[in-house]
C-alpha atoms as a PDB file:
ATOM      1  CA  MET A   1     126.698  90.395  88.802  1.00  0.00           C
ATOM      2  CA  ARG A   2     130.404  88.231  88.396  1.00  0.00           C
ATOM      3  CA  SER A   3     130.025  84.153  89.069  1.00  0.00           C
ATOM      4  CA  PHE A   4     129.937  82.749  92.635  1.00  0.00           C
ATOM      5  CA  GLU A   5     133.440  81.488  92.410  1.00  0.00           C
ATOM      6  CA  GLU A   6     134.311  84.341  90.781  1.00  0.00           C
ATOM      7  CA  LEU A   7     133.197  86.484  93.972  1.00  0.00           C
ATOM      8  CA  VAL A   8     134.358  84.081  96.546  1.00  0.00           C
ATOM      9  CA  SER A   9     138.252  83.630  95.256  1.00  0.00           C
ATOM     10  CA  GLU A  10     138.886  87.169  94.963  1.00  0.00           C
ATOM     11  CA  ALA A  11     137.588  87.458  98.461  1.00  0.00           C
ATOM     12  CA  GLU A  12     139.767  84.867  99.353  1.00  0.00           C
ATOM     13  CA  ALA A  13     143.139  86.371  97.726  1.00  0.00           C
ATOM     14  CA  ALA A  14     142.233  89.459  98.887  1.00  0.00           C
ATOM     15  CA  ASP A  15     144.478  91.424 102.301  1.00  0.00           C
ATOM     16  CA  VAL A  16     142.918  91.656 105.417  1.00  0.00           C
ATOM     17  CA  GLU A  17     145.829  92.960 107.806  1.00  0.00           C
ATOM     18  CA  GLY A  18     145.224  96.014 109.490  1.00  0.00           C
ATOM     19  CA  TRP A  19     141.949  97.769 110.444  1.00  0.00           C
ATOM     20  CA  GLY A  20     141.051  99.486 107.078  1.00  0.00           C
ATOM     21  CA  PHE A  21     137.394  98.204 105.407  1.00  0.00           C
ATOM     22  CA  GLU A  22     137.724  99.849 102.097  1.00  0.00           C
ATOM     23  CA  TRP A  23     137.947  96.782  99.719  1.00  0.00           C
ATOM     24  CA  LEU A  24     134.169  96.595 100.670  1.00  0.00           C
ATOM     25  CA  ASP A  25     133.105 100.219  99.399  1.00  0.00           C
ATOM     26  CA  GLY A  26     130.348  99.633  96.952  1.00  0.00           C
ATOM     27  CA  ARG A  27     129.896  96.150  98.302  1.00  0.00           C
ATOM     28  CA  ALA A  28     128.939  96.647 101.546  1.00  0.00           C
ATOM     29  CA  VAL A  29     127.763  99.697 103.887  1.00  0.00           C
ATOM     30  CA  GLU A  30     127.803 100.371 107.630  1.00  0.00           C
ATOM     31  CA  GLU A  31     126.093 103.114 109.595  1.00  0.00           C
ATOM     32  CA  ARG A  32     128.284 105.433 111.675  1.00  0.00           C
ATOM     33  CA  PRO A  33     127.159 106.102 115.159  1.00  0.00           C
ATOM     34  CA  PRO A  34     126.383 109.938 115.506  1.00  0.00           C
ATOM     35  CA  TRP A  35     128.971 110.935 117.954  1.00  0.00           C
ATOM     36  CA  GLY A  36     131.972 110.750 114.901  1.00  0.00           C
ATOM     37  CA  TYR A  37     134.609 108.939 117.213  1.00  0.00           C
ATOM     38  CA  ALA A  38     137.702 110.193 115.012  1.00  0.00           C
ATOM     39  CA  ARG A  39     136.816 113.458 115.647  1.00  0.00           C
ATOM     40  CA  LEU A  40     136.115 113.067 118.842  1.00  0.00           C
ATOM     41  CA  LEU A  41     139.292 111.261 119.612  1.00  0.00           C
ATOM     42  CA  ALA A  42     141.329 113.942 117.787  1.00  0.00           C
ATOM     43  CA  GLU A  43     139.951 116.657 119.371  1.00  0.00           C
ATOM     44  CA  ARG A  44     140.918 115.210 122.443  1.00  0.00           C
ATOM     45  CA  LEU A  45     144.453 114.286 121.316  1.00  0.00           C
ATOM     46  CA  GLY A  46     144.764 117.870 119.926  1.00  0.00           C
ATOM     47  CA  ARG A  47     144.877 119.210 123.651  1.00  0.00           C
ATOM     48  CA  ALA A  48     146.673 116.144 125.593  1.00  0.00           C
ATOM     49  CA  GLY A  49     150.344 115.878 126.374  1.00  0.00           C
ATOM     50  CA  SER A  50     150.419 112.513 126.695  1.00  0.00           C
ATOM     51  CA  ALA A  51     147.956 109.579 125.034  1.00  0.00           C
ATOM     52  CA  LEU A  52     147.609 105.976 124.626  1.00  0.00           C
ATOM     53  CA  ASP A  53     145.993 104.160 122.115  1.00  0.00           C
ATOM     54  CA  LEU A  54     144.834 100.240 122.736  1.00  0.00           C
ATOM     55  CA  ASP A  55     144.056  97.503 120.318  1.00  0.00           C
ATOM     56  CA  THR A  56     144.980 100.014 117.821  1.00  0.00           C
ATOM     57  CA  GLY A  57     144.665  97.957 114.520  1.00  0.00           C
ATOM     58  CA  GLY A  58     146.942  99.024 112.147  1.00  0.00           C
ATOM     59  CA  GLY A  59     146.893 102.880 113.857  1.00  0.00           C
ATOM     60  CA  GLU A  60     144.397 103.359 111.253  1.00  0.00           C
ATOM     61  CA  VAL A  61     141.961 105.822 113.553  1.00  0.00           C
ATOM     62  CA  LEU A  62     144.615 107.763 115.502  1.00  0.00           C
ATOM     63  CA  ALA A  63     146.722 108.051 112.227  1.00  0.00           C
ATOM     64  CA  GLU A  64     143.763 110.248 110.982  1.00  0.00           C
ATOM     65  CA  ALA A  65     144.407 112.518 113.761  1.00  0.00           C
ATOM     66  CA  PRO A  66     145.841 115.907 113.006  1.00  0.00           C
ATOM     67  CA  ALA A  67     148.010 116.597 115.738  1.00  0.00           C
ATOM     68  CA  LEU A  68     149.045 114.020 118.173  1.00  0.00           C
ATOM     69  CA  PRO A  69     150.958 114.639 121.687  1.00  0.00           C
ATOM     70  CA  PRO A  70     154.548 114.742 122.253  1.00  0.00           C
ATOM     71  CA  ARG A  71     154.480 111.417 123.626  1.00  0.00           C
ATOM     72  CA  THR A  72     151.839 108.941 122.178  1.00  0.00           C
ATOM     73  CA  ALA A  73     152.059 105.602 122.011  1.00  0.00           C
ATOM     74  CA  ALA A  74     149.812 102.284 121.223  1.00  0.00           C
ATOM     75  CA  THR A  75     149.259  98.779 121.273  1.00  0.00           C
ATOM     76  CA  GLU A  76     148.659  95.954 119.612  1.00  0.00           C
ATOM     77  CA  GLY A  77     148.058  92.414 119.892  1.00  0.00           C
ATOM     78  CA  TRP A  78     147.859  91.074 116.254  1.00  0.00           C
ATOM     79  CA  PRO A  79     151.844  90.769 114.897  1.00  0.00           C
ATOM     80  CA  PRO A  80     150.804  91.681 111.527  1.00  0.00           C
ATOM     81  CA  ASN A  81     149.212  94.762 112.570  1.00  0.00           C
ATOM     82  CA  VAL A  82     152.042  95.439 114.850  1.00  0.00           C
ATOM     83  CA  VAL A  83     153.967  96.245 111.452  1.00  0.00           C
ATOM     84  CA  ARG A  84     151.592  97.935 110.223  1.00  0.00           C
ATOM     85  CA  ALA A  85     151.003 100.375 112.703  1.00  0.00           C
ATOM     86  CA  ARG A  86     154.837 100.767 113.217  1.00  0.00           C
ATOM     87  CA  GLN A  87     155.073 101.600 109.428  1.00  0.00           C
ATOM     88  CA  ARG A  88     152.227 104.049 109.926  1.00  0.00           C
ATOM     89  CA  LEU A  89     152.425 105.657 113.017  1.00  0.00           C
ATOM     90  CA  GLY A  90     156.568 105.162 113.626  1.00  0.00           C
ATOM     91  CA  PRO A  91     156.917 108.696 111.389  1.00  0.00           C
ATOM     92  CA  ARG A  92     155.023 110.661 113.459  1.00  0.00           C
ATOM     93  CA  GLY A  93     157.127 109.857 116.522  1.00  0.00           C
ATOM     94  CA  VAL A  94     155.030 107.022 117.661  1.00  0.00           C
ATOM     95  CA  GLU A  95     155.876 104.014 120.405  1.00  0.00           C
ATOM     96  CA  VAL A  96     154.083 100.864 118.847  1.00  0.00           C
ATOM     97  CA  ALA A  97     154.233  98.354 121.858  1.00  0.00           C
ATOM     98  CA  GLU A  98     153.073  94.625 121.121  1.00  0.00           C
ATOM     99  CA  HIS A  99     150.881  93.234 123.889  1.00  0.00           C
ATOM    100  CA  ASP A 100     148.158  90.789 123.935  1.00  0.00           C
ATOM    101  CA  ALA A 101     147.245  90.489 127.358  1.00  0.00           C
ATOM    102  CA  GLY A 102     148.684  90.891 131.105  1.00  0.00           C
ATOM    103  CA  PRO A 103     149.997  94.229 132.242  1.00  0.00           C
ATOM    104  CA  LEU A 104     150.009  96.818 130.039  1.00  0.00           C
ATOM    105  CA  PRO A 105     154.269  98.092 129.397  1.00  0.00           C
ATOM    106  CA  PHE A 106     154.087 101.132 130.862  1.00  0.00           C
ATOM    107  CA  PRO A 107     154.687 102.541 134.178  1.00  0.00           C
ATOM    108  CA  ALA A 108     151.720 103.730 136.474  1.00  0.00           C
ATOM    109  CA  ALA A 109     150.477 107.389 135.644  1.00  0.00           C
ATOM    110  CA  SER A 110     151.918 107.834 132.426  1.00  0.00           C
ATOM    111  CA  PHE A 111     148.831 109.087 130.191  1.00  0.00           C
ATOM    112  CA  GLU A 112     146.421 112.008 129.999  1.00  0.00           C
ATOM    113  CA  LEU A 113     144.364 109.921 128.139  1.00  0.00           C
ATOM    114  CA  VAL A 114     143.763 106.359 127.222  1.00  0.00           C
ATOM    115  CA  SER A 115     141.715 105.362 124.315  1.00  0.00           C
ATOM    116  CA  SER A 116     140.656 102.709 121.866  1.00  0.00           C
ATOM    117  CA  ARG A 117     138.178 102.157 118.856  1.00  0.00           C
ATOM    118  CA  HIS A 118     136.708  98.577 119.278  1.00  0.00           C
ATOM    119  CA  PRO A 119     139.061  97.107 122.122  1.00  0.00           C
ATOM    120  CA  VAL A 120     139.219  93.105 122.715  1.00  0.00           C
ATOM    121  CA  SER A 121     138.401  93.536 126.488  1.00  0.00           C
ATOM    122  CA  PRO A 122     138.909  96.631 128.327  1.00  0.00           C
ATOM    123  CA  ASP A 123     141.125  95.631 131.266  1.00  0.00           C
ATOM    124  CA  TRP A 124     140.140  98.422 133.560  1.00  0.00           C
ATOM    125  CA  PRO A 125     142.529  97.993 136.516  1.00  0.00           C
ATOM    126  CA  GLU A 126     145.453  98.158 134.070  1.00  0.00           C
ATOM    127  CA  ILE A 127     143.672 101.538 132.065  1.00  0.00           C
ATOM    128  CA  HIS A 128     143.220 103.118 135.641  1.00  0.00           C
ATOM    129  CA  ARG A 129     146.994 102.299 136.896  1.00  0.00           C
ATOM    130  CA  VAL A 130     148.089 103.949 133.785  1.00  0.00           C
ATOM    131  CA  LEU A 131     146.826 106.948 133.644  1.00  0.00           C
ATOM    132  CA  LEU A 132     147.353 110.029 135.121  1.00  0.00           C
ATOM    133  CA  PRO A 133     145.301 111.275 137.667  1.00  0.00           C
ATOM    134  CA  GLY A 134     142.540 113.242 136.101  1.00  0.00           C
ATOM    135  CA  GLY A 135     143.122 111.569 133.352  1.00  0.00           C
ATOM    136  CA  ARG A 136     140.097 110.432 130.778  1.00  0.00           C
ATOM    137  CA  TYR A 137     139.649 107.346 128.834  1.00  0.00           C
ATOM    138  CA  LEU A 138     137.866 107.774 125.742  1.00  0.00           C
ATOM    139  CA  ALA A 139     136.863 104.463 123.456  1.00  0.00           C
ATOM    140  CA  GLN A 140     134.298 103.335 121.060  1.00  0.00           C
ATOM    141  CA  HIS A 141     133.258  99.541 121.949  1.00  0.00           C
ATOM    142  CA  VAL A 142     131.416  97.292 120.294  1.00  0.00           C
ATOM    143  CA  GLY A 143     128.423  96.556 121.856  1.00  0.00           C
ATOM    144  CA  PRO A 144     126.111  93.142 122.410  1.00  0.00           C
ATOM    145  CA  ALA A 145     125.228  91.037 119.997  1.00  0.00           C
ATOM    146  CA  SER A 146     126.518  93.233 117.278  1.00  0.00           C
ATOM    147  CA  ALA A 147     126.367  91.867 113.500  1.00  0.00           C
ATOM    148  CA  PHE A 148     124.849  88.537 115.286  1.00  0.00           C
ATOM    149  CA  GLU A 149     122.061  88.334 112.369  1.00  0.00           C
ATOM    150  CA  LEU A 150     125.115  87.449 110.221  1.00  0.00           C
ATOM    151  CA  ILE A 151     127.071  85.053 112.776  1.00  0.00           C
ATOM    152  CA  GLU A 152     123.890  82.995 113.590  1.00  0.00           C
ATOM    153  CA  PHE A 153     123.176  82.452 110.078  1.00  0.00           C
ATOM    154  CA  PHE A 154     126.378  80.437 110.117  1.00  0.00           C
ATOM    155  CA  LEU A 155     126.297  79.008 113.667  1.00  0.00           C
ATOM    156  CA  GLY A 156     122.623  79.142 114.349  1.00  0.00           C
ATOM    157  CA  PRO A 157     121.299  81.001 117.723  1.00  0.00           C
ATOM    158  CA  ARG A 158     123.828  82.272 120.473  1.00  0.00           C
ATOM    159  CA  PRO A 159     121.670  82.953 123.221  1.00  0.00           C
ATOM    160  CA  GLU A 160     124.338  83.454 125.957  1.00  0.00           C
ATOM    161  CA  GLU A 161     126.865  85.789 123.635  1.00  0.00           C
ATOM    162  CA  ARG A 162     123.842  87.692 122.943  1.00  0.00           C
ATOM    163  CA  LYS A 163     124.261  89.005 126.661  1.00  0.00           C
ATOM    164  CA  GLU A 164     128.092  89.767 126.109  1.00  0.00           C
ATOM    165  CA  ARG A 165     129.446  93.148 125.681  1.00  0.00           C
ATOM    166  CA  ASP A 166     126.947  95.134 127.881  1.00  0.00           C
ATOM    167  CA  PRO A 167     127.926  98.740 128.202  1.00  0.00           C
ATOM    168  CA  GLU A 168     126.104  98.838 131.704  1.00  0.00           C
ATOM    169  CA  ARG A 169     128.261  95.632 132.859  1.00  0.00           C
ATOM    170  CA  GLU A 170     131.516  97.478 131.150  1.00  0.00           C
ATOM    171  CA  ALA A 171     130.465 100.847 132.724  1.00  0.00           C
ATOM    172  CA  ALA A 172     130.091  99.240 136.556  1.00  0.00           C
ATOM    173  CA  ALA A 173     133.011  97.081 135.720  1.00  0.00           C
ATOM    174  CA  ALA A 174     135.310 100.349 134.881  1.00  0.00           C
ATOM    175  CA  GLU A 175     134.026 102.295 138.431  1.00  0.00           C
ATOM    176  CA  ARG A 176     134.732  99.398 140.325  1.00  0.00           C
ATOM    177  CA  ALA A 177     138.680  99.599 139.302  1.00  0.00           C
ATOM    178  CA  GLY A 178     138.332 103.361 140.381  1.00  0.00           C
ATOM    179  CA  LEU A 179     137.373 105.160 137.383  1.00  0.00           C
ATOM    180  CA  THR A 180     134.340 107.588 137.118  1.00  0.00           C
ATOM    181  CA  VAL A 181     132.107 107.149 134.275  1.00  0.00           C
ATOM    182  CA  GLU A 182     131.041 110.519 132.572  1.00  0.00           C
ATOM    183  CA  ARG A 183     129.734 109.867 129.471  1.00  0.00           C
ATOM    184  CA  LEU A 184     128.217 106.518 128.280  1.00  0.00           C
ATOM    185  CA  GLU A 185     126.120 106.168 124.709  1.00  0.00           C
ATOM    186  CA  THR A 186     124.398 103.554 122.783  1.00  0.00           C
ATOM    187  CA  ALA A 187     123.860 102.989 118.827  1.00  0.00           C
ATOM    188  CA  ARG A 188     122.165 100.502 116.458  1.00  0.00           C
ATOM    189  CA  CYS A 189     123.442 100.972 112.954  1.00  0.00           C
ATOM    190  CA  ARG A 190     122.361  98.893 109.745  1.00  0.00           C
ATOM    191  CA  MET A 191     125.283  97.303 107.783  1.00  0.00           C
ATOM    192  CA  ALA A 192     124.031  95.774 104.484  1.00  0.00           C
ATOM    193  CA  PHE A 193     126.158  93.251 102.453  1.00  0.00           C
ATOM    194  CA  TYR A 194     124.968  93.060  98.331  1.00  0.00           C
ATOM    195  CA  ASP A 195     127.667  90.608  97.373  1.00  0.00           C
ATOM    196  CA  VAL A 196     128.580  86.969  98.592  1.00  0.00           C
ATOM    197  CA  GLY A 197     132.622  88.472  98.272  1.00  0.00           C
ATOM    198  CA  ALA A 198     131.996  91.180 100.732  1.00  0.00           C
ATOM    199  CA  VAL A 199     130.733  88.466 103.250  1.00  0.00           C
ATOM    200  CA  VAL A 200     133.603  85.949 103.046  1.00  0.00           C
ATOM    201  CA  TRP A 201     135.723  89.305 103.030  1.00  0.00           C
ATOM    202  CA  ILE A 202     134.700  90.321 106.433  1.00  0.00           C
ATOM    203  CA  LEU A 203     134.786  86.559 108.483  1.00  0.00           C
ATOM    204  CA  ARG A 204     137.799  86.318 107.095  1.00  0.00           C
ATOM    205  CA  LYS A 205     138.875  89.704 108.713  1.00  0.00           C
ATOM    206  CA  CYS A 206     136.900  89.110 111.396  1.00  0.00           C
ATOM    207  CA  VAL A 207     138.219  85.675 112.450  1.00  0.00           C
ATOM    208  CA  TRP A 208     136.127  85.569 116.101  1.00  0.00           C
ATOM    209  CA  TRP A 209     132.883  86.130 114.785  1.00  0.00           C
ATOM    210  CA  VAL A 210     132.932  82.470 112.856  1.00  0.00           C
ATOM    211  CA  PRO A 211     135.296  80.414 114.098  1.00  0.00           C
ATOM    212  CA  GLY A 212     137.076  78.016 111.656  1.00  0.00           C
ATOM    213  CA  PHE A 213     135.266  79.810 108.575  1.00  0.00           C
ATOM    214  CA  SER A 214     136.173  78.853 105.608  1.00  0.00           C
ATOM    215  CA  VAL A 215     134.377  78.801 102.220  1.00  0.00           C
ATOM    216  CA  GLU A 216     134.081  74.840 102.077  1.00  0.00           C
ATOM    217  CA  ALA A 217     133.007  74.475 105.390  1.00  0.00           C
ATOM    218  CA  TYR A 218     129.960  76.935 104.810  1.00  0.00           C
ATOM    219  CA  GLU A 219     129.692  76.565 101.082  1.00  0.00           C
ATOM    220  CA  ASP A 220     126.126  75.483 101.305  1.00  0.00           C
ATOM    221  CA  GLU A 221     125.283  78.818 103.628  1.00  0.00           C
ATOM    222  CA  LEU A 222     127.784  81.226 101.335  1.00  0.00           C
ATOM    223  CA  ARG A 223     125.346  79.822  98.162  1.00  0.00           C
ATOM    224  CA  GLU A 224     121.981  80.400  99.914  1.00  0.00           C
ATOM    225  CA  LEU A 225     123.321  84.209 100.708  1.00  0.00           C
ATOM    226  CA  ASP A 226     124.787  84.175  97.027  1.00  0.00           C
ATOM    227  CA  ARG A 227     121.239  83.382  95.650  1.00  0.00           C
ATOM    228  CA  ARG A 228     119.140  85.820  98.043  1.00  0.00           C
ATOM    229  CA  MET A 229     122.167  88.644  96.589  1.00  0.00           C
ATOM    230  CA  ARG A 230     121.042  88.000  93.059  1.00  0.00           C
ATOM    231  CA  ALA A 231     117.508  88.597  93.521  1.00  0.00           C
ATOM    232  CA  GLY A 232     118.108  91.632  94.595  1.00  0.00           C
ATOM    233  CA  GLU A 233     117.627  90.954  98.525  1.00  0.00           C
ATOM    234  CA  PRO A 234     120.801  92.642  99.991  1.00  0.00           C
ATOM    235  CA  PHE A 235     121.638  90.603 103.647  1.00  0.00           C
ATOM    236  CA  VAL A 236     121.316  92.983 106.766  1.00  0.00           C
ATOM    237  CA  ALA A 237     122.547  92.755 110.069  1.00  0.00           C
ATOM    238  CA  THR A 238     122.790  95.315 112.950  1.00  0.00           C
ATOM    239  CA  SER A 239     125.800  96.687 114.989  1.00  0.00           C
ATOM    240  CA  THR A 240     125.870  97.824 118.175  1.00  0.00           C
ATOM    241  CA  ARG A 241     128.280 100.498 119.434  1.00  0.00           C
ATOM    242  CA  HIS A 242     128.733 102.666 122.891  1.00  0.00           C
ATOM    243  CA  LEU A 243     130.318 105.751 123.225  1.00  0.00           C
ATOM    244  CA  ILE A 244     132.263 105.329 126.900  1.00  0.00           C
ATOM    245  CA  GLU A 245     134.342 108.285 128.683  1.00  0.00           C
ATOM    246  CA  ALA A 246     135.581 108.067 131.616  1.00  0.00           C
ATOM    247  CA  ARG A 247     137.952 110.016 134.100  1.00  0.00           C
ATOM    248  CA  ARG A 248     140.950 108.835 137.011  1.00  0.00           C
END
């Protein structure tokens, strides 16, 4: 294994824009939920006449679908990702709107399908508003305390934050907004990091995990991880996900 300094420097220089994770190939692994979200989404898109993908990132998941509805739109809040999504999805006729918070930039009853993979914070009244009557919301959300083994290694215990993103509470909020939740499934998936560069890269990409993260600020913790990994002990964490499908 290369030196601590080499691994860290490489990770600091690597591109973290978009929502692709190919840089981690061979350096980290994460189990996938059993329902196969990308496949489910592709099936729904193939049957819909109109669709909106929220928090699309760089458009990576939406672009996997072999067929898109005649009218397809997407939103994204981070400007570098907006650029990537437009480059990736524009040639397929997808309208990509820059949107971070507040009302969605679409008229009421615009879409048969609204989707999202890992939305930042689902705005249920807005989702209800832009769906056609009988339209559906299909999404994979991040669940409670996801990757908290890693987060708390750097930040210490976060008991209140562990309670956030509860799937039952999210389903109840969707129902209060006028949606009928027809499917709610949860999964716990194993994550493993095999070198310290993988940890640096993921914390640069998922900036909300350890706010203000830098190698300088957390060098002691990173060197401890590096020591463990060189001894053959990967850092293991758990990602939590839930699939939610609702109908207007």
